[in-house]
Amino acid sequence: MKLPKRELSLLKMVFRSADGLDIGALTWKHGISISEAFQVFSSLKNRRLVTKRGQRLVLTAEGRTWVIENQDLFAFEGEKEWRQVPAHYEANRIEKYEPYAPRRSLIDRKGLLHRLKKVN
């Protein structure tokens, strides 16, 4: 069975939550509208993948089995861009034996003043 993208994303959220996904968190934490959350939940409930327990959405036994069988839908694909540093954030490379001066914000002012008082 193939799931639409929004159903798959809700299923991911329910699967990743240890004790079920709080229904209220869908709107304020995940930014899903109430009507959209209800439609997606109804669809997943009709497929017997998710059920409501109190104020939480939890996976059914069939839902857990489906997620485990379709792990490739939940895994990262391709190159992990979040691990790469964008070029505009990379610092200039310092050559060997090139003098180095740290940023002023990195200098320990109290320690520096203490050392200067010892020398004088």
Protein backbone atom coordinates (compact mmCIF):
# COMPACT_ATOMS: atom_id res chain seq x y z
CA MET A 1 0.00 0.00 0.00
CA LYS A 2 1.34 3.40 -0.96
CA LEU A 3 0.64 6.37 1.31
CA PRO A 4 0.35 10.03 0.33
CA LYS A 5 3.09 12.34 1.60
CA ARG A 6 1.10 13.96 4.42
CA GLU A 7 -0.10 10.59 5.72
CA LEU A 8 3.44 9.30 5.63
CA SER A 9 4.73 12.32 7.56
CA LEU A 10 2.07 11.89 10.26
CA LEU A 11 2.88 8.20 10.47
CA LYS A 12 6.57 9.09 10.93
CA MET A 13 5.72 11.46 13.79
CA VAL A 14 3.58 8.83 15.52
CA PHE A 15 6.26 6.17 15.03
CA ARG A 16 9.04 8.36 16.44
CA SER A 17 7.08 9.34 19.56
CA ALA A 18 7.69 6.86 22.35
CA ASP A 19 4.30 6.98 24.09
CA GLY A 20 2.17 8.26 21.21
CA LEU A 21 1.81 11.66 19.61
CA ASP A 22 -0.13 14.31 21.51
CA ILE A 23 -3.02 15.52 19.37
CA GLY A 24 -2.60 19.12 20.55
CA ALA A 25 1.07 19.08 19.49
CA LEU A 26 0.05 18.56 15.87
CA THR A 27 -1.23 22.12 15.58
CA TRP A 28 1.12 24.13 17.77
CA LYS A 29 4.33 22.11 17.48
CA HIS A 30 4.16 20.62 14.00
CA GLY A 31 2.09 23.35 12.34
CA ILE A 32 -0.63 21.09 10.92
CA SER A 33 -4.12 22.54 10.74
CA ILE A 34 -6.86 20.80 12.70
CA SER A 35 -8.87 19.92 9.61
CA GLU A 36 -5.85 18.49 7.80
CA ALA A 37 -4.80 16.50 10.87
CA PHE A 38 -8.33 15.08 11.18
CA GLN A 39 -8.42 14.08 7.49
CA VAL A 40 -5.02 12.39 7.67
CA PHE A 41 -5.87 10.66 10.96
CA SER A 42 -9.18 9.40 9.53
CA SER A 43 -7.42 8.00 6.50
CA LEU A 44 -4.78 6.25 8.60
CA LYS A 45 -7.45 4.97 11.00
CA ASN A 46 -9.46 3.52 8.09
CA ARG A 47 -6.30 1.72 6.95
CA ARG A 48 -5.93 0.43 10.55
CA LEU A 49 -2.43 1.90 10.95
CA VAL A 50 -3.14 4.46 13.70
CA THR A 51 -5.65 4.65 16.54
CA LYS A 52 -6.54 7.18 19.21
CA ARG A 53 -5.78 6.36 22.85
CA GLY A 54 -6.97 9.18 25.11
CA GLN A 55 -5.47 12.39 23.71
CA ARG A 56 -2.66 10.58 21.87
CA LEU A 57 -2.29 8.95 18.47
CA VAL A 58 -0.57 5.57 18.61
CA LEU A 59 0.37 2.92 16.08
CA THR A 60 -1.68 -0.23 15.89
CA ALA A 61 0.01 -3.63 15.59
CA GLU A 62 -0.67 -3.52 11.84
CA GLY A 63 0.76 0.00 11.67
CA ARG A 64 3.97 -1.00 13.45
CA THR A 65 4.35 -3.99 11.11
CA TRP A 66 3.77 -1.75 8.07
CA VAL A 67 6.38 0.75 9.23
CA ILE A 68 8.95 -1.98 9.85
CA GLU A 69 8.30 -3.55 6.44
CA ASN A 70 8.58 -0.16 4.70
CA GLN A 71 11.63 1.23 6.47
CA ASP A 72 13.06 2.51 3.21
CA LEU A 73 10.36 5.22 3.21
CA PHE A 74 11.62 6.50 6.57
CA ALA A 75 15.37 6.39 5.90
CA PHE A 76 17.54 9.17 4.51
CA GLU A 77 18.13 9.03 0.80
CA GLY A 78 21.10 10.29 -1.11
CA GLU A 79 23.69 12.66 0.28
CA LYS A 80 23.13 14.17 3.69
CA GLU A 81 23.24 17.92 2.98
CA TRP A 82 22.83 18.78 6.65
CA ARG A 83 26.35 17.43 7.29
CA GLN A 84 28.00 19.76 4.78
CA VAL A 85 29.21 23.22 5.73
CA PRO A 86 28.16 25.85 3.16
CA ALA A 87 31.09 27.56 1.45
CA HIS A 88 30.12 31.00 2.76
CA TYR A 89 30.54 29.73 6.36
CA GLU A 90 33.99 28.26 5.87
CA ALA A 91 36.80 30.36 7.30
CA ASN A 92 39.83 31.29 5.29
CA ARG A 93 42.46 28.62 5.62
CA ILE A 94 45.64 29.65 7.44
CA GLU A 95 48.86 28.59 5.81
CA LYS A 96 51.65 26.87 7.73
CA TYR A 97 53.75 29.34 9.81
CA GLU A 98 51.33 32.16 9.09
CA PRO A 99 50.74 34.43 12.10
CA TYR A 100 47.41 33.91 13.79
CA ALA A 101 45.40 36.39 15.83
CA PRO A 102 42.17 35.14 17.41
CA ARG A 103 38.99 37.14 17.31
CA ARG A 104 38.63 39.61 20.14
CA SER A 105 35.52 37.79 21.34
CA LEU A 106 37.61 34.63 21.91
CA ILE A 107 40.23 36.29 24.11
CA ASP A 108 39.91 35.74 27.85
CA ARG A 109 40.13 39.36 29.09
CA LYS A 110 40.35 38.56 32.80
CA GLY A 111 43.11 36.01 32.26
CA LEU A 112 45.00 38.37 29.98
CA LEU A 113 44.83 41.24 32.50
CA HIS A 114 45.96 38.90 35.28
CA ARG A 115 49.00 37.80 33.27
CA LEU A 116 49.87 41.37 32.36
CA LYS A 117 49.80 42.41 36.05
CA LYS A 118 52.18 39.54 36.91
CA VAL A 119 54.67 40.66 34.24
CA ASN A 120 54.70 44.30 35.41
